[in-house]
């Protein structure tokens, strides 16, 4: 019997809606792996420890809730240079979600 090597994960993880990717958090890093090969597809660095992960319905975007800071960070898998950061300051963030069209809108995240 053969096993893959162990991968470190210390926080939330979830599969993309299209079941092609696995998002795993390790403190402040977000690792996106291909489900079939477990190879790293993308690696993103957050500004603080990841508390929450949510995929957009089209599996193209992903967001991370950094609730210690009250901040949300989001990325695109197909356009890695695209990033989004929403900082709510002293008001705090209780929850973040994607709009139904899977496109980031600052008033809907």
PDB file of N, CA and C in Angstrom:
ATOM      1  N   UNK A   1       0.845  -1.168   0.000  1.00  0.00           N
ATOM      2  CA  UNK A   1       0.000   0.000   0.000  1.00  0.00           C
ATOM      3  C   UNK A   1       0.895   1.236   0.000  1.00  0.00           C
ATOM      4  N   UNK A   2       0.562   2.205  -0.849  1.00  0.00           N
ATOM      5  CA  UNK A   2       1.339   3.433  -0.946  1.00  0.00           C
ATOM      6  C   UNK A   2       0.518   4.608  -0.415  1.00  0.00           C
ATOM      7  N   UNK A   3       1.209   5.532   0.242  1.00  0.00           N
ATOM      8  CA  UNK A   3       0.570   6.722   0.780  1.00  0.00           C
ATOM      9  C   UNK A   3       1.301   7.952   0.254  1.00  0.00           C
ATOM     10  N   UNK A   4       0.579   9.054   0.097  1.00  0.00           N
ATOM     11  CA  UNK A   4       1.225  10.308  -0.253  1.00  0.00           C
ATOM     12  C   UNK A   4       1.913  10.852   0.982  1.00  0.00           C
ATOM     13  N   UNK A   5       2.827  11.773   0.778  1.00  0.00           N
ATOM     14  CA  UNK A   5       3.496  12.363   1.928  1.00  0.00           C
ATOM     15  C   UNK A   5       2.507  13.234   2.712  1.00  0.00           C
ATOM     16  N   UNK A   6       2.785  13.413   3.979  1.00  0.00           N
ATOM     17  CA  UNK A   6       1.906  14.214   4.835  1.00  0.00           C
ATOM     18  C   UNK A   6       2.080  15.696   4.518  1.00  0.00           C
ATOM     19  N   UNK A   7       0.969  16.439   4.535  1.00  0.00           N
ATOM     20  CA  UNK A   7       1.002  17.868   4.308  1.00  0.00           C
ATOM     21  C   UNK A   7       0.523  18.578   5.557  1.00  0.00           C
ATOM     22  N   UNK A   8       1.233  19.641   5.900  1.00  0.00           N
ATOM     23  CA  UNK A   8       0.922  20.404   7.105  1.00  0.00           C
ATOM     24  C   UNK A   8      -0.333  21.258   6.890  1.00  0.00           C
ATOM     25  N   UNK A   9      -1.223  21.238   7.861  1.00  0.00           N
ATOM     26  CA  UNK A   9      -2.420  22.085   7.856  1.00  0.00           C
ATOM     27  C   UNK A   9      -2.767  22.400   9.300  1.00  0.00           C
ATOM     28  N   UNK A  10      -2.949  23.683   9.603  1.00  0.00           N
ATOM     29  CA  UNK A  10      -3.235  24.081  10.977  1.00  0.00           C
ATOM     30  C   UNK A  10      -4.540  24.846  11.119  1.00  0.00           C
ATOM     31  N   UNK A  11      -5.224  25.085  10.033  1.00  0.00           N
ATOM     32  CA  UNK A  11      -6.442  25.885  10.101  1.00  0.00           C
ATOM     33  C   UNK A  11      -7.510  25.306   9.205  1.00  0.00           C
ATOM     34  N   UNK A  12      -8.442  26.163   8.777  1.00  0.00           N
ATOM     35  CA  UNK A  12      -9.539  25.676   7.934  1.00  0.00           C
ATOM     36  C   UNK A  12      -9.046  25.203   6.569  1.00  0.00           C
ATOM     37  N   UNK A  13      -9.811  24.272   5.994  1.00  0.00           N
ATOM     38  CA  UNK A  13      -9.541  23.813   4.631  1.00  0.00           C
ATOM     39  C   UNK A  13     -10.882  23.487   3.978  1.00  0.00           C
ATOM     40  N   UNK A  14     -10.926  23.549   2.644  1.00  0.00           N
ATOM     41  CA  UNK A  14     -12.170  23.224   1.951  1.00  0.00           C
ATOM     42  C   UNK A  14     -11.905  22.949   0.477  1.00  0.00           C
ATOM     43  N   UNK A  15     -12.790  22.161  -0.123  1.00  0.00           N
ATOM     44  CA  UNK A  15     -12.727  21.858  -1.541  1.00  0.00           C
ATOM     45  C   UNK A  15     -13.438  22.952  -2.324  1.00  0.00           C
ATOM     46  N   UNK A  16     -12.961  23.197  -3.538  1.00  0.00           N
ATOM     47  CA  UNK A  16     -13.612  24.170  -4.404  1.00  0.00           C
ATOM     48  C   UNK A  16     -14.954  23.607  -4.875  1.00  0.00           C
ATOM     49  N   UNK A  17     -15.904  24.466  -5.246  1.00  0.00           N
ATOM     50  CA  UNK A  17     -17.209  23.980  -5.712  1.00  0.00           C
ATOM     51  C   UNK A  17     -17.125  23.055  -6.924  1.00  0.00           C
ATOM     52  N   UNK A  18     -16.113  23.232  -7.780  1.00  0.00           N
ATOM     53  CA  UNK A  18     -15.974  22.346  -8.935  1.00  0.00           C
ATOM     54  C   UNK A  18     -15.173  21.084  -8.596  1.00  0.00           C
ATOM     55  N   UNK A  19     -14.791  20.918  -7.337  1.00  0.00           N
ATOM     56  CA  UNK A  19     -14.055  19.749  -6.823  1.00  0.00           C
ATOM     57  C   UNK A  19     -12.687  19.556  -7.461  1.00  0.00           C
ATOM     58  N   UNK A  20     -12.144  20.598  -8.045  1.00  0.00           N
ATOM     59  CA  UNK A  20     -10.834  20.500  -8.687  1.00  0.00           C
ATOM     60  C   UNK A  20      -9.690  20.889  -7.765  1.00  0.00           C
ATOM     61  N   UNK A  21      -9.974  21.724  -6.754  1.00  0.00           N
ATOM     62  CA  UNK A  21      -8.927  22.255  -5.892  1.00  0.00           C
ATOM     63  C   UNK A  21      -9.242  22.005  -4.416  1.00  0.00           C
ATOM     64  N   UNK A  22      -8.167  21.989  -3.630  1.00  0.00           N
ATOM     65  CA  UNK A  22      -8.272  21.922  -2.174  1.00  0.00           C
ATOM     66  C   UNK A  22      -7.537  23.129  -1.620  1.00  0.00           C
ATOM     67  N   UNK A  23      -8.218  23.929  -0.817  1.00  0.00           N
ATOM     68  CA  UNK A  23      -7.599  25.088  -0.171  1.00  0.00           C
ATOM     69  C   UNK A  23      -7.272  24.699   1.267  1.00  0.00           C
ATOM     70  N   UNK A  24      -6.025  24.891   1.652  1.00  0.00           N
ATOM     71  CA  UNK A  24      -5.558  24.533   2.991  1.00  0.00           C
ATOM     72  C   UNK A  24      -4.857  25.741   3.592  1.00  0.00           C
ATOM     73  N   UNK A  25      -5.173  26.062   4.828  1.00  0.00           N
ATOM     74  CA  UNK A  25      -4.492  27.169   5.489  1.00  0.00           C
ATOM     75  C   UNK A  25      -3.458  26.626   6.467  1.00  0.00           C
ATOM     76  N   UNK A  26      -2.326  27.299   6.484  1.00  0.00           N
ATOM     77  CA  UNK A  26      -1.258  27.016   7.437  1.00  0.00           C
ATOM     78  C   UNK A  26      -0.875  28.371   8.027  1.00  0.00           C
ATOM     79  N   UNK A  27      -1.482  28.698   9.173  1.00  0.00           N
ATOM     80  CA  UNK A  27      -1.307  29.994   9.822  1.00  0.00           C
ATOM     81  C   UNK A  27      -1.697  31.132   8.876  1.00  0.00           C
ATOM     82  N   UNK A  28      -0.731  31.837   8.293  1.00  0.00           N
ATOM     83  CA  UNK A  28      -1.026  32.979   7.438  1.00  0.00           C
ATOM     84  C   UNK A  28      -0.892  32.660   5.943  1.00  0.00           C
ATOM     85  N   UNK A  29      -0.604  31.416   5.608  1.00  0.00           N
ATOM     86  CA  UNK A  29      -0.466  31.013   4.208  1.00  0.00           C
ATOM     87  C   UNK A  29      -1.706  30.245   3.739  1.00  0.00           C
ATOM     88  N   UNK A  30      -2.107  30.507   2.507  1.00  0.00           N
ATOM     89  CA  UNK A  30      -3.199  29.778   1.873  1.00  0.00           C
ATOM     90  C   UNK A  30      -2.598  28.977   0.724  1.00  0.00           C
ATOM     91  N   UNK A  31      -2.698  27.669   0.806  1.00  0.00           N
ATOM     92  CA  UNK A  31      -2.127  26.774  -0.198  1.00  0.00           C
ATOM     93  C   UNK A  31      -3.277  26.174  -1.002  1.00  0.00           C
ATOM     94  N   UNK A  32      -3.232  26.345  -2.322  1.00  0.00           N
ATOM     95  CA  UNK A  32      -4.234  25.766  -3.215  1.00  0.00           C
ATOM     96  C   UNK A  32      -3.584  24.591  -3.932  1.00  0.00           C
ATOM     97  N   UNK A  33      -4.166  23.396  -3.762  1.00  0.00           N
ATOM     98  CA  UNK A  33      -3.611  22.176  -4.365  1.00  0.00           C
ATOM     99  C   UNK A  33      -4.593  21.592  -5.374  1.00  0.00           C
ATOM    100  N   UNK A  34      -4.040  20.951  -6.392  1.00  0.00           N
ATOM    101  CA  UNK A  34      -4.830  20.189  -7.334  1.00  0.00           C
ATOM    102  C   UNK A  34      -5.293  18.920  -6.620  1.00  0.00           C
ATOM    103  N   UNK A  35      -6.559  18.589  -6.692  1.00  0.00           N
ATOM    104  CA  UNK A  35      -7.114  17.446  -5.963  1.00  0.00           C
ATOM    105  C   UNK A  35      -6.532  16.119  -6.447  1.00  0.00           C
ATOM    106  N   UNK A  36      -6.294  15.988  -7.734  1.00  0.00           N
ATOM    107  CA  UNK A  36      -5.823  14.712  -8.269  1.00  0.00           C
ATOM    108  C   UNK A  36      -4.349  14.436  -7.971  1.00  0.00           C
ATOM    109  N   UNK A  37      -3.511  15.472  -8.059  1.00  0.00           N
ATOM    110  CA  UNK A  37      -2.069  15.265  -7.885  1.00  0.00           C
ATOM    111  C   UNK A  37      -1.546  15.770  -6.546  1.00  0.00           C
ATOM    112  N   UNK A  38      -2.310  16.602  -5.864  1.00  0.00           N
ATOM    113  CA  UNK A  38      -1.926  17.292  -4.627  1.00  0.00           C
ATOM    114  C   UNK A  38      -0.756  18.254  -4.814  1.00  0.00           C
ATOM    115  N   UNK A  39      -0.445  18.590  -6.075  1.00  0.00           N
ATOM    116  CA  UNK A  39       0.601  19.578  -6.345  1.00  0.00           C
ATOM    117  C   UNK A  39       0.062  20.974  -6.057  1.00  0.00           C
ATOM    118  N   UNK A  40       0.945  21.858  -5.609  1.00  0.00           N
ATOM    119  CA  UNK A  40       0.568  23.235  -5.305  1.00  0.00           C
ATOM    120  C   UNK A  40       0.284  23.978  -6.606  1.00  0.00           C
ATOM    121  N   UNK A  41      -0.922  24.545  -6.692  1.00  0.00           N
ATOM    122  CA  UNK A  41      -1.341  25.334  -7.848  1.00  0.00           C
ATOM    123  C   UNK A  41      -1.042  26.806  -7.604  1.00  0.00           C
ATOM    124  N   UNK A  42      -1.351  27.276  -6.403  1.00  0.00           N
ATOM    125  CA  UNK A  42      -1.102  28.662  -6.000  1.00  0.00           C
ATOM    126  C   UNK A  42      -0.752  28.694  -4.519  1.00  0.00           C
ATOM    127  N   UNK A  43       0.017  29.690  -4.134  1.00  0.00           N
ATOM    128  CA  UNK A  43       0.363  29.919  -2.740  1.00  0.00           C
ATOM    129  C   UNK A  43       0.182  31.404  -2.478  1.00  0.00           C
ATOM    130  N   UNK A  44      -0.674  31.743  -1.519  1.00  0.00           N
ATOM    131  CA  UNK A  44      -0.950  33.135  -1.190  1.00  0.00           C
ATOM    132  C   UNK A  44      -0.566  33.394   0.260  1.00  0.00           C
ATOM    133  N   UNK A  45      -0.076  34.597   0.547  1.00  0.00           N
ATOM    134  CA  UNK A  45       0.276  34.981   1.909  1.00  0.00           C
ATOM    135  C   UNK A  45      -0.712  36.010   2.419  1.00  0.00           C
ATOM    136  N   UNK A  46      -1.283  35.732   3.574  1.00  0.00           N
ATOM    137  CA  UNK A  46      -2.210  36.662   4.222  1.00  0.00           C
ATOM    138  C   UNK A  46      -1.444  37.538   5.207  1.00  0.00           C
ATOM    139  N   UNK A  47      -2.092  38.584   5.666  1.00  0.00           N
ATOM    140  CA  UNK A  47      -1.478  39.502   6.613  1.00  0.00           C
ATOM    141  C   UNK A  47      -1.581  39.032   8.057  1.00  0.00           C
ATOM    142  N   UNK A  48      -2.365  37.979   8.304  1.00  0.00           N
ATOM    143  CA  UNK A  48      -2.522  37.439   9.652  1.00  0.00           C
ATOM    144  C   UNK A  48      -3.020  35.998   9.534  1.00  0.00           C
ATOM    145  N   UNK A  49      -3.244  35.365  10.669  1.00  0.00           N
ATOM    146  CA  UNK A  49      -3.709  33.981  10.699  1.00  0.00           C
ATOM    147  C   UNK A  49      -5.099  33.869  10.065  1.00  0.00           C
ATOM    148  N   UNK A  50      -5.282  32.841   9.241  1.00  0.00           N
ATOM    149  CA  UNK A  50      -6.544  32.628   8.529  1.00  0.00           C
ATOM    150  C   UNK A  50      -7.567  31.985   9.464  1.00  0.00           C
ATOM    151  N   UNK A  51      -8.734  32.612   9.566  1.00  0.00           N
ATOM    152  CA  UNK A  51      -9.817  32.092  10.402  1.00  0.00           C
ATOM    153  C   UNK A  51     -10.912  31.419   9.589  1.00  0.00           C
ATOM    154  N   UNK A  52     -11.035  31.801   8.313  1.00  0.00           N
ATOM    155  CA  UNK A  52     -12.164  31.359   7.498  1.00  0.00           C
ATOM    156  C   UNK A  52     -11.753  31.351   6.036  1.00  0.00           C
ATOM    157  N   UNK A  53     -12.239  30.372   5.272  1.00  0.00           N
ATOM    158  CA  UNK A  53     -11.985  30.289   3.831  1.00  0.00           C
ATOM    159  C   UNK A  53     -13.324  30.069   3.126  1.00  0.00           C
ATOM    160  N   UNK A  54     -13.519  30.776   2.002  1.00  0.00           N
ATOM    161  CA  UNK A  54     -14.716  30.524   1.195  1.00  0.00           C
ATOM    162  C   UNK A  54     -14.385  30.696  -0.283  1.00  0.00           C
ATOM    163  N   UNK A  55     -14.783  29.703  -1.078  1.00  0.00           N
ATOM    164  CA  UNK A  55     -14.635  29.749  -2.526  1.00  0.00           C
ATOM    165  C   UNK A  55     -15.816  30.475  -3.145  1.00  0.00           C
ATOM    166  N   UNK A  56     -15.573  31.178  -4.259  1.00  0.00           N
ATOM    167  CA  UNK A  56     -16.664  31.692  -5.086  1.00  0.00           C
ATOM    168  C   UNK A  56     -17.299  30.508  -5.788  1.00  0.00           C
ATOM    169  N   UNK A  57     -18.544  30.637  -6.187  1.00  0.00           N
ATOM    170  CA  UNK A  57     -19.262  29.514  -6.796  1.00  0.00           C
ATOM    171  C   UNK A  57     -18.624  28.997  -8.079  1.00  0.00           C
ATOM    172  N   UNK A  58     -17.898  29.856  -8.808  1.00  0.00           N
ATOM    173  CA  UNK A  58     -17.253  29.414 -10.043  1.00  0.00           C
ATOM    174  C   UNK A  58     -15.848  28.851  -9.818  1.00  0.00           C
ATOM    175  N   UNK A  59     -15.397  28.774  -8.574  1.00  0.00           N
ATOM    176  CA  UNK A  59     -14.080  28.237  -8.185  1.00  0.00           C
ATOM    177  C   UNK A  59     -12.913  29.044  -8.747  1.00  0.00           C
ATOM    178  N   UNK A  60     -13.162  30.258  -9.204  1.00  0.00           N
ATOM    179  CA  UNK A  60     -12.094  31.101  -9.731  1.00  0.00           C
ATOM    180  C   UNK A  60     -11.512  32.011  -8.654  1.00  0.00           C
ATOM    181  N   UNK A  61     -12.309  32.378  -7.679  1.00  0.00           N
ATOM    182  CA  UNK A  61     -11.876  33.272  -6.615  1.00  0.00           C
ATOM    183  C   UNK A  61     -11.980  32.575  -5.265  1.00  0.00           C
ATOM    184  N   UNK A  62     -11.156  33.037  -4.331  1.00  0.00           N
ATOM    185  CA  UNK A  62     -11.202  32.511  -2.972  1.00  0.00           C
ATOM    186  C   UNK A  62     -10.940  33.669  -2.008  1.00  0.00           C
ATOM    187  N   UNK A  63     -11.617  33.639  -0.870  1.00  0.00           N
ATOM    188  CA  UNK A  63     -11.382  34.669   0.134  1.00  0.00           C
ATOM    189  C   UNK A  63     -10.993  34.035   1.459  1.00  0.00           C
ATOM    190  N   UNK A  64     -10.280  34.816   2.257  1.00  0.00           N
ATOM    191  CA  UNK A  64      -9.870  34.404   3.601  1.00  0.00           C
ATOM    192  C   UNK A  64     -10.324  35.461   4.591  1.00  0.00           C
ATOM    193  N   UNK A  65     -10.936  35.019   5.672  1.00  0.00           N
ATOM    194  CA  UNK A  65     -11.299  35.915   6.755  1.00  0.00           C
ATOM    195  C   UNK A  65     -10.181  35.920   7.782  1.00  0.00           C
ATOM    196  N   UNK A  66      -9.683  37.097   8.096  1.00  0.00           N
ATOM    197  CA  UNK A  66      -8.642  37.272   9.114  1.00  0.00           C
ATOM    198  C   UNK A  66      -9.299  38.017  10.272  1.00  0.00           C
ATOM    199  N   UNK A  67      -9.998  37.286  11.085  1.00  0.00           N
ATOM    200  CA  UNK A  67     -10.870  37.917  12.064  1.00  0.00           C
ATOM    201  C   UNK A  67     -10.126  38.549  13.232  1.00  0.00           C
ATOM    202  N   UNK A  68      -8.869  38.201  13.457  1.00  0.00           N
ATOM    203  CA  UNK A  68      -8.093  38.873  14.504  1.00  0.00           C
ATOM    204  C   UNK A  68      -7.801  40.325  14.128  1.00  0.00           C
ATOM    205  N   UNK A  69      -7.702  40.589  12.826  1.00  0.00           N
ATOM    206  CA  UNK A  69      -7.365  41.928  12.344  1.00  0.00           C
ATOM    207  C   UNK A  69      -8.573  42.768  12.000  1.00  0.00           C
ATOM    208  N   UNK A  70      -9.660  42.502  11.955  1.00  0.00           N
ATOM    209  CA  UNK A  70     -10.863  42.361  11.145  1.00  0.00           C
ATOM    210  C   UNK A  70     -10.656  42.736   9.687  1.00  0.00           C
ATOM    211  N   UNK A  71     -10.284  41.745   8.884  1.00  0.00           N
ATOM    212  CA  UNK A  71      -9.925  41.968   7.489  1.00  0.00           C
ATOM    213  C   UNK A  71     -10.299  40.755   6.642  1.00  0.00           C
ATOM    214  N   UNK A  72     -10.577  41.032   5.370  1.00  0.00           N
ATOM    215  CA  UNK A  72     -10.822  39.992   4.378  1.00  0.00           C
ATOM    216  C   UNK A  72      -9.793  40.176   3.266  1.00  0.00           C
ATOM    217  N   UNK A  73      -9.198  39.083   2.817  1.00  0.00           N
ATOM    218  CA  UNK A  73      -8.329  39.113   1.652  1.00  0.00           C
ATOM    219  C   UNK A  73      -8.870  38.117   0.635  1.00  0.00           C
ATOM    220  N   UNK A  74      -8.794  38.471  -0.648  1.00  0.00           N
ATOM    221  CA  UNK A  74      -9.309  37.597  -1.710  1.00  0.00           C
ATOM    222  C   UNK A  74      -8.327  37.561  -2.864  1.00  0.00           C
ATOM    223  N   UNK A  75      -8.350  36.447  -3.605  1.00  0.00           N
ATOM    224  CA  UNK A  75      -7.460  36.240  -4.749  1.00  0.00           C
ATOM    225  C   UNK A  75      -8.198  35.548  -5.872  1.00  0.00           C
ATOM    226  N   UNK A  76      -7.606  35.651  -7.060  1.00  0.00           N
ATOM    227  CA  UNK A  76      -8.088  34.947  -8.242  1.00  0.00           C
ATOM    228  C   UNK A  76      -7.088  33.848  -8.587  1.00  0.00           C
ATOM    229  N   UNK A  77      -7.584  32.645  -8.863  1.00  0.00           N
ATOM    230  CA  UNK A  77      -6.687  31.564  -9.270  1.00  0.00           C
ATOM    231  C   UNK A  77      -6.212  31.742 -10.702  1.00  0.00           C
ATOM    232  N   UNK A  78      -7.041  32.304 -11.568  1.00  0.00           N
ATOM    233  CA  UNK A  78      -6.668  32.458 -12.971  1.00  0.00           C
ATOM    234  C   UNK A  78      -5.866  33.733 -13.236  1.00  0.00           C
ATOM    235  N   UNK A  79      -5.971  34.712 -12.341  1.00  0.00           N
ATOM    236  CA  UNK A  79      -5.217  35.972 -12.460  1.00  0.00           C
ATOM    237  C   UNK A  79      -4.521  36.236 -11.131  1.00  0.00           C
ATOM    238  N   UNK A  80      -3.416  35.561 -10.838  1.00  0.00           N
ATOM    239  CA  UNK A  80      -2.775  35.662  -9.516  1.00  0.00           C
ATOM    240  C   UNK A  80      -2.338  37.076  -9.124  1.00  0.00           C
ATOM    241  N   UNK A  81      -2.195  37.970 -10.108  1.00  0.00           N
ATOM    242  CA  UNK A  81      -1.807  39.346  -9.778  1.00  0.00           C
ATOM    243  C   UNK A  81      -2.978  40.139  -9.190  1.00  0.00           C
ATOM    244  N   UNK A  82      -4.218  39.652  -9.379  1.00  0.00           N
ATOM    245  CA  UNK A  82      -5.398  40.325  -8.838  1.00  0.00           C
ATOM    246  C   UNK A  82      -5.537  39.971  -7.363  1.00  0.00           C
ATOM    247  N   UNK A  83      -5.678  40.997  -6.535  1.00  0.00           N
ATOM    248  CA  UNK A  83      -5.911  40.781  -5.102  1.00  0.00           C
ATOM    249  C   UNK A  83      -6.948  41.785  -4.616  1.00  0.00           C
ATOM    250  N   UNK A  84      -7.523  41.480  -3.481  1.00  0.00           N
ATOM    251  CA  UNK A  84      -8.503  42.368  -2.862  1.00  0.00           C
ATOM    252  C   UNK A  84      -8.300  42.303  -1.354  1.00  0.00           C
ATOM    253  N   UNK A  85      -8.364  43.461  -0.708  1.00  0.00           N
ATOM    254  CA  UNK A  85      -8.266  43.517   0.750  1.00  0.00           C
ATOM    255  C   UNK A  85      -9.334  44.468   1.264  1.00  0.00           C
ATOM    256  N   UNK A  86     -10.125  43.998   2.200  1.00  0.00           N
ATOM    257  CA  UNK A  86     -11.145  44.824   2.826  1.00  0.00           C
ATOM    258  C   UNK A  86     -10.845  44.859   4.310  1.00  0.00           C
ATOM    259  N   UNK A  87     -10.610  46.050   4.825  1.00  0.00           N
ATOM    260  CA  UNK A  87     -10.255  46.238   6.234  1.00  0.00           C
ATOM    261  C   UNK A  87     -11.374  47.030   6.899  1.00  0.00           C
ATOM    262  N   UNK A  88     -12.045  46.415   7.870  1.00  0.00           N
ATOM    263  CA  UNK A  88     -13.173  47.075   8.520  1.00  0.00           C
ATOM    264  C   UNK A  88     -12.788  47.824   9.793  1.00  0.00           C
ATOM    265  N   UNK A  89     -11.519  47.812  10.149  1.00  0.00           N
ATOM    266  CA  UNK A  89     -11.060  48.576  11.302  1.00  0.00           C
ATOM    267  C   UNK A  89     -11.769  48.207  12.584  1.00  0.00           C
ATOM    268  N   UNK A  90     -12.138  49.210  13.357  1.00  0.00           N
ATOM    269  CA  UNK A  90     -12.743  48.962  14.669  1.00  0.00           C
ATOM    270  C   UNK A  90     -14.163  48.398  14.595  1.00  0.00           C
ATOM    271  N   UNK A  91     -14.825  48.518  13.431  1.00  0.00           N
ATOM    272  CA  UNK A  91     -16.184  47.983  13.278  1.00  0.00           C
ATOM    273  C   UNK A  91     -16.191  46.460  13.327  1.00  0.00           C
ATOM    274  N   UNK A  92     -15.119  45.830  12.870  1.00  0.00           N
ATOM    275  CA  UNK A  92     -15.013  44.376  12.897  1.00  0.00           C
ATOM    276  C   UNK A  92     -15.729  43.710  11.730  1.00  0.00           C
ATOM    277  N   UNK A  93     -15.480  42.423  11.585  1.00  0.00           N
ATOM    278  CA  UNK A  93     -16.125  41.622  10.545  1.00  0.00           C
ATOM    279  C   UNK A  93     -16.683  40.375  11.201  1.00  0.00           C
ATOM    280  N   UNK A  94     -17.957  40.129  10.992  1.00  0.00           N
ATOM    281  CA  UNK A  94     -18.581  38.933  11.554  1.00  0.00           C
ATOM    282  C   UNK A  94     -18.606  37.798  10.539  1.00  0.00           C
ATOM    283  N   UNK A  95     -18.704  38.130   9.230  1.00  0.00           N
ATOM    284  CA  UNK A  95     -18.833  37.097   8.216  1.00  0.00           C
ATOM    285  C   UNK A  95     -18.586  37.724   6.847  1.00  0.00           C
ATOM    286  N   UNK A  96     -18.074  36.940   5.916  1.00  0.00           N
ATOM    287  CA  UNK A  96     -17.871  37.394   4.542  1.00  0.00           C
ATOM    288  C   UNK A  96     -18.425  36.342   3.597  1.00  0.00           C
ATOM    289  N   UNK A  97     -18.954  36.786   2.474  1.00  0.00           N
ATOM    290  CA  UNK A  97     -19.445  35.828   1.475  1.00  0.00           C
ATOM    291  C   UNK A  97     -19.376  36.453   0.095  1.00  0.00           C
ATOM    292  N   UNK A  98     -19.450  35.606  -0.921  1.00  0.00           N
ATOM    293  CA  UNK A  98     -19.396  36.044  -2.308  1.00  0.00           C
ATOM    294  C   UNK A  98     -20.785  36.404  -2.805  1.00  0.00           C
ATOM    295  N   UNK A  99     -20.843  37.295  -3.786  1.00  0.00           N
ATOM    296  CA  UNK A  99     -22.116  37.603  -4.422  1.00  0.00           C
ATOM    297  C   UNK A  99     -22.545  36.398  -5.262  1.00  0.00           C
ATOM    298  N   UNK A 100     -23.818  36.274  -5.601  1.00  0.00           N
ATOM    299  CA  UNK A 100     -24.298  35.106  -6.346  1.00  0.00           C
ATOM    300  C   UNK A 100     -23.638  34.908  -7.710  1.00  0.00           C
ATOM    301  N   UNK A 101     -23.124  35.981  -8.340  1.00  0.00           N
ATOM    302  CA  UNK A 101     -22.483  35.825  -9.649  1.00  0.00           C
ATOM    303  C   UNK A 101     -21.003  35.445  -9.537  1.00  0.00           C
ATOM    304  N   UNK A 102     -20.527  35.172  -8.327  1.00  0.00           N
ATOM    305  CA  UNK A 102     -19.142  34.762  -8.062  1.00  0.00           C
ATOM    306  C   UNK A 102     -18.126  35.839  -8.391  1.00  0.00           C
ATOM    307  N   UNK A 103     -18.553  37.065  -8.501  1.00  0.00           N
ATOM    308  CA  UNK A 103     -17.629  38.156  -8.755  1.00  0.00           C
ATOM    309  C   UNK A 103     -17.502  38.994  -7.503  1.00  0.00           C
ATOM    310  N   UNK A 104     -16.288  39.399  -7.189  1.00  0.00           N
ATOM    311  CA  UNK A 104     -16.103  40.194  -5.970  1.00  0.00           C
ATOM    312  C   UNK A 104     -16.652  41.600  -6.132  1.00  0.00           C
ATOM    313  N   UNK A 105     -17.459  41.999  -5.212  1.00  0.00           N
ATOM    314  CA  UNK A 105     -17.989  43.357  -5.141  1.00  0.00           C
ATOM    315  C   UNK A 105     -17.773  43.803  -3.705  1.00  0.00           C
ATOM    316  N   UNK A 106     -17.163  44.946  -3.522  1.00  0.00           N
ATOM    317  CA  UNK A 106     -16.803  45.356  -2.163  1.00  0.00           C
ATOM    318  C   UNK A 106     -18.002  45.496  -1.247  1.00  0.00           C
ATOM    319  N   UNK A 107     -19.172  45.811  -1.774  1.00  0.00           N
ATOM    320  CA  UNK A 107     -20.342  45.926  -0.918  1.00  0.00           C
ATOM    321  C   UNK A 107     -21.033  44.587  -0.670  1.00  0.00           C
ATOM    322  N   UNK A 108     -20.593  43.511  -1.348  1.00  0.00           N
ATOM    323  CA  UNK A 108     -21.202  42.197  -1.179  1.00  0.00           C
ATOM    324  C   UNK A 108     -20.300  41.199  -0.474  1.00  0.00           C
ATOM    325  N   UNK A 109     -19.054  41.545  -0.273  1.00  0.00           N
ATOM    326  CA  UNK A 109     -18.147  40.617   0.400  1.00  0.00           C
ATOM    327  C   UNK A 109     -18.307  40.781   1.880  1.00  0.00           C
TER     328      UNK A 109
END
